[in-house]
Amino acid sequence: MRRRNTVWLMHLIGVPDASGKPALWINADHLVSVQPVVRTGERDVTLEAELKVDGMPLQRINLGAHADRAAADVAFDAFLHKLQN
């Protein structure tokens, strides 16, 4: 019996943090959900992304401090756009 050479291509995506550098590399097919986590402080709004990746515990990526909630929403939308491209 002859074996076929099978090539499995995995699409890894770099999940960027506030600096824009990948904080975590994941297989795009295993990404289950992405949720914003917003904490309001006295001076700024801190944004994190909570990722659920199949087979892993919840992951939190720091997306930085922002002037207000609207700015944090814009930053989260940009983060989602980076994940999709």
N, C-alpha and C. Protein backbone atom coordinates (compact mmCIF):
# COMPACT_ATOMS: atom_id res chain seq x y z
N MET A 1 0.84 -1.16 0.00
CA MET A 1 0.00 0.00 0.00
C MET A 1 0.89 1.24 0.00
N ARG A 2 0.60 2.17 -0.88
CA ARG A 2 1.41 3.38 -1.02
C ARG A 2 0.77 4.54 -0.26
N ARG A 3 1.58 5.24 0.46
CA ARG A 3 1.10 6.39 1.23
C ARG A 3 1.18 7.66 0.40
N ARG A 4 0.16 8.48 0.51
CA ARG A 4 0.18 9.77 -0.17
C ARG A 4 0.78 10.82 0.75
N ASN A 5 1.50 11.72 0.17
CA ASN A 5 2.00 12.85 0.93
C ASN A 5 0.89 13.88 1.04
N THR A 6 0.48 14.15 2.23
CA THR A 6 -0.58 15.12 2.46
C THR A 6 0.01 16.34 3.14
N VAL A 7 -0.33 17.48 2.61
CA VAL A 7 0.14 18.73 3.19
C VAL A 7 -1.05 19.44 3.80
N TRP A 8 -0.96 19.71 5.09
CA TRP A 8 -2.00 20.46 5.79
C TRP A 8 -1.48 21.87 6.00
N LEU A 9 -2.19 22.84 5.46
CA LEU A 9 -1.79 24.22 5.63
C LEU A 9 -2.55 24.83 6.79
N MET A 10 -1.82 25.41 7.69
CA MET A 10 -2.41 26.05 8.85
C MET A 10 -2.27 27.55 8.66
N HIS A 11 -3.34 28.29 8.87
CA HIS A 11 -3.29 29.74 8.77
C HIS A 11 -3.13 30.31 10.17
N LEU A 12 -1.92 30.72 10.49
CA LEU A 12 -1.67 31.34 11.79
C LEU A 12 -1.82 32.85 11.67
N ILE A 13 -2.45 33.43 12.67
CA ILE A 13 -2.56 34.89 12.71
C ILE A 13 -1.89 35.39 13.98
N GLY A 14 -1.20 36.48 13.83
CA GLY A 14 -0.58 37.12 14.97
C GLY A 14 -1.58 38.06 15.61
N VAL A 15 -1.85 37.87 16.87
CA VAL A 15 -2.80 38.72 17.59
C VAL A 15 -2.00 39.88 18.18
N PRO A 16 -2.20 41.10 17.64
CA PRO A 16 -1.38 42.23 18.08
C PRO A 16 -1.83 42.81 19.42
N ASP A 17 -0.86 43.33 20.18
CA ASP A 17 -1.18 44.02 21.43
C ASP A 17 -1.18 45.53 21.17
N ALA A 18 -1.12 46.34 22.21
CA ALA A 18 -1.18 47.79 22.08
C ALA A 18 -0.02 48.35 21.26
N SER A 19 1.13 47.67 21.27
CA SER A 19 2.29 48.14 20.51
C SER A 19 2.20 47.76 19.04
N GLY A 20 1.25 46.88 18.69
CA GLY A 20 1.12 46.44 17.31
C GLY A 20 1.88 45.16 17.00
N LYS A 21 2.67 44.70 17.97
CA LYS A 21 3.43 43.46 17.78
C LYS A 21 2.59 42.27 18.22
N PRO A 22 2.75 41.12 17.56
CA PRO A 22 1.98 39.94 17.95
C PRO A 22 2.30 39.50 19.38
N ALA A 23 1.26 39.41 20.19
CA ALA A 23 1.40 38.93 21.57
C ALA A 23 1.16 37.42 21.63
N LEU A 24 0.49 36.91 20.60
CA LEU A 24 0.08 35.51 20.59
C LEU A 24 -0.15 35.11 19.13
N TRP A 25 0.26 33.92 18.75
CA TRP A 25 -0.02 33.38 17.42
C TRP A 25 -1.03 32.25 17.58
N ILE A 26 -2.09 32.32 16.79
CA ILE A 26 -3.14 31.28 16.89
C ILE A 26 -3.54 30.81 15.50
N ASN A 27 -4.07 29.61 15.44
CA ASN A 27 -4.65 29.08 14.22
C ASN A 27 -6.01 29.74 14.04
N ALA A 28 -6.20 30.44 12.93
CA ALA A 28 -7.43 31.19 12.69
C ALA A 28 -8.68 30.31 12.74
N ASP A 29 -8.54 29.05 12.36
CA ASP A 29 -9.69 28.13 12.38
C ASP A 29 -10.16 27.80 13.79
N HIS A 30 -9.32 28.07 14.79
CA HIS A 30 -9.64 27.71 16.17
C HIS A 30 -10.14 28.89 16.99
N LEU A 31 -10.22 30.07 16.39
CA LEU A 31 -10.71 31.25 17.10
C LEU A 31 -12.23 31.15 17.23
N VAL A 32 -12.71 31.11 18.46
CA VAL A 32 -14.13 30.92 18.72
C VAL A 32 -14.84 32.26 18.92
N SER A 33 -14.27 33.15 19.74
CA SER A 33 -14.91 34.45 19.98
C SER A 33 -13.89 35.50 20.38
N VAL A 34 -14.27 36.75 20.15
CA VAL A 34 -13.46 37.91 20.54
C VAL A 34 -14.41 38.92 21.17
N GLN A 35 -14.09 39.34 22.40
CA GLN A 35 -14.94 40.29 23.12
C GLN A 35 -14.09 41.44 23.66
N PRO A 36 -14.62 42.67 23.63
CA PRO A 36 -13.89 43.77 24.26
C PRO A 36 -14.10 43.74 25.78
N VAL A 37 -13.06 44.10 26.51
CA VAL A 37 -13.14 44.27 27.96
C VAL A 37 -12.66 45.69 28.22
N VAL A 38 -13.57 46.53 28.72
CA VAL A 38 -13.28 47.94 28.92
C VAL A 38 -13.33 48.25 30.41
N ARG A 39 -12.25 48.87 30.90
CA ARG A 39 -12.20 49.31 32.29
C ARG A 39 -12.00 50.81 32.31
N THR A 40 -12.89 51.50 33.00
CA THR A 40 -12.83 52.96 33.08
C THR A 40 -12.12 53.38 34.36
N GLY A 41 -11.08 54.20 34.18
CA GLY A 41 -10.34 54.71 35.31
C GLY A 41 -10.60 56.20 35.47
N GLU A 42 -9.86 56.84 36.35
CA GLU A 42 -10.03 58.27 36.58
C GLU A 42 -9.58 59.10 35.38
N ARG A 43 -8.52 58.65 34.72
CA ARG A 43 -7.94 59.45 33.64
C ARG A 43 -8.16 58.89 32.25
N ASP A 44 -8.34 57.58 32.14
CA ASP A 44 -8.45 56.99 30.82
C ASP A 44 -9.29 55.72 30.85
N VAL A 45 -9.46 55.15 29.69
CA VAL A 45 -10.20 53.90 29.51
C VAL A 45 -9.21 52.86 29.02
N THR A 46 -9.11 51.75 29.74
CA THR A 46 -8.20 50.67 29.35
C THR A 46 -8.99 49.62 28.57
N LEU A 47 -8.44 49.23 27.43
CA LEU A 47 -9.11 48.28 26.55
C LEU A 47 -8.28 47.00 26.47
N GLU A 48 -8.96 45.88 26.64
CA GLU A 48 -8.36 44.56 26.43
C GLU A 48 -9.30 43.77 25.52
N ALA A 49 -8.73 42.82 24.81
CA ALA A 49 -9.54 41.90 24.00
C ALA A 49 -9.47 40.54 24.67
N GLU A 50 -10.62 39.94 24.89
CA GLU A 50 -10.68 38.60 25.46
C GLU A 50 -10.94 37.63 24.32
N LEU A 51 -10.03 36.69 24.14
CA LEU A 51 -10.12 35.73 23.04
C LEU A 51 -10.40 34.35 23.58
N LYS A 52 -11.31 33.66 22.95
CA LYS A 52 -11.53 32.24 23.25
C LYS A 52 -11.05 31.47 22.04
N VAL A 53 -10.03 30.67 22.28
CA VAL A 53 -9.45 29.83 21.24
C VAL A 53 -9.74 28.39 21.63
N ASP A 54 -10.24 27.62 20.68
CA ASP A 54 -10.60 26.22 20.95
C ASP A 54 -9.42 25.47 21.55
N GLY A 55 -9.65 24.84 22.70
CA GLY A 55 -8.62 24.05 23.34
C GLY A 55 -7.69 24.83 24.26
N MET A 56 -7.94 26.14 24.41
CA MET A 56 -7.09 26.97 25.27
C MET A 56 -7.95 27.71 26.28
N PRO A 57 -7.38 28.10 27.41
CA PRO A 57 -8.13 28.96 28.33
C PRO A 57 -8.31 30.35 27.72
N LEU A 58 -9.19 31.14 28.29
CA LEU A 58 -9.38 32.51 27.81
C LEU A 58 -8.06 33.26 27.80
N GLN A 59 -7.85 34.04 26.76
CA GLN A 59 -6.65 34.85 26.63
C GLN A 59 -7.06 36.32 26.63
N ARG A 60 -6.30 37.16 27.31
CA ARG A 60 -6.55 38.60 27.29
C ARG A 60 -5.34 39.31 26.71
N ILE A 61 -5.62 40.18 25.75
CA ILE A 61 -4.58 40.95 25.09
C ILE A 61 -4.81 42.42 25.42
N ASN A 62 -3.79 43.10 25.94
CA ASN A 62 -3.89 44.51 26.28
C ASN A 62 -3.84 45.35 25.00
N LEU A 63 -4.88 46.15 24.80
CA LEU A 63 -4.94 47.03 23.63
C LEU A 63 -4.71 48.48 23.99
N GLY A 64 -4.30 48.74 25.23
CA GLY A 64 -3.86 50.07 25.62
C GLY A 64 -4.90 50.95 26.28
N ALA A 65 -4.43 52.13 26.68
CA ALA A 65 -5.28 53.15 27.32
C ALA A 65 -5.77 54.13 26.26
N HIS A 66 -7.01 54.58 26.44
CA HIS A 66 -7.63 55.50 25.47
C HIS A 66 -8.30 56.64 26.23
N ALA A 67 -8.49 57.75 25.53
CA ALA A 67 -9.03 58.95 26.17
C ALA A 67 -10.46 58.76 26.67
N ASP A 68 -11.28 58.02 25.92
CA ASP A 68 -12.67 57.81 26.31
C ASP A 68 -13.20 56.53 25.68
N ARG A 69 -14.45 56.22 25.97
CA ARG A 69 -15.06 54.97 25.47
C ARG A 69 -15.14 54.95 23.94
N ALA A 70 -15.43 56.10 23.34
CA ALA A 70 -15.52 56.17 21.87
C ALA A 70 -14.17 55.81 21.24
N ALA A 71 -13.08 56.32 21.80
CA ALA A 71 -11.75 56.01 21.28
C ALA A 71 -11.43 54.52 21.47
N ALA A 72 -11.86 53.95 22.58
CA ALA A 72 -11.64 52.52 22.82
C ALA A 72 -12.44 51.68 21.82
N ASP A 73 -13.65 52.12 21.49
CA ASP A 73 -14.46 51.40 20.49
C ASP A 73 -13.80 51.43 19.12
N VAL A 74 -13.24 52.57 18.75
CA VAL A 74 -12.53 52.70 17.47
C VAL A 74 -11.31 51.77 17.46
N ALA A 75 -10.58 51.72 18.57
CA ALA A 75 -9.41 50.86 18.66
C ALA A 75 -9.79 49.38 18.57
N PHE A 76 -10.92 49.00 19.19
CA PHE A 76 -11.36 47.61 19.12
C PHE A 76 -11.77 47.25 17.70
N ASP A 77 -12.46 48.15 17.01
CA ASP A 77 -12.83 47.91 15.61
C ASP A 77 -11.58 47.73 14.74
N ALA A 78 -10.55 48.53 14.98
CA ALA A 78 -9.29 48.40 14.23
C ALA A 78 -8.63 47.05 14.53
N PHE A 79 -8.69 46.62 15.80
CA PHE A 79 -8.14 45.33 16.19
C PHE A 79 -8.86 44.19 15.45
N LEU A 80 -10.18 44.24 15.39
CA LEU A 80 -10.95 43.23 14.67
C LEU A 80 -10.58 43.22 13.19
N HIS A 81 -10.40 44.39 12.62
CA HIS A 81 -10.03 44.50 11.21
C HIS A 81 -8.66 43.82 10.97
N LYS A 82 -7.70 44.02 11.88
CA LYS A 82 -6.40 43.38 11.74
C LYS A 82 -6.51 41.86 11.81
N LEU A 83 -7.39 41.36 12.67
CA LEU A 83 -7.57 39.92 12.78
C LEU A 83 -8.16 39.32 11.51
N GLN A 84 -9.01 40.06 10.85
CA GLN A 84 -9.70 39.55 9.67
C GLN A 84 -8.85 39.62 8.41
N ASN A 85 -7.78 40.39 8.44
CA ASN A 85 -6.94 40.53 7.24
C ASN A 85 -5.63 39.82 7.36
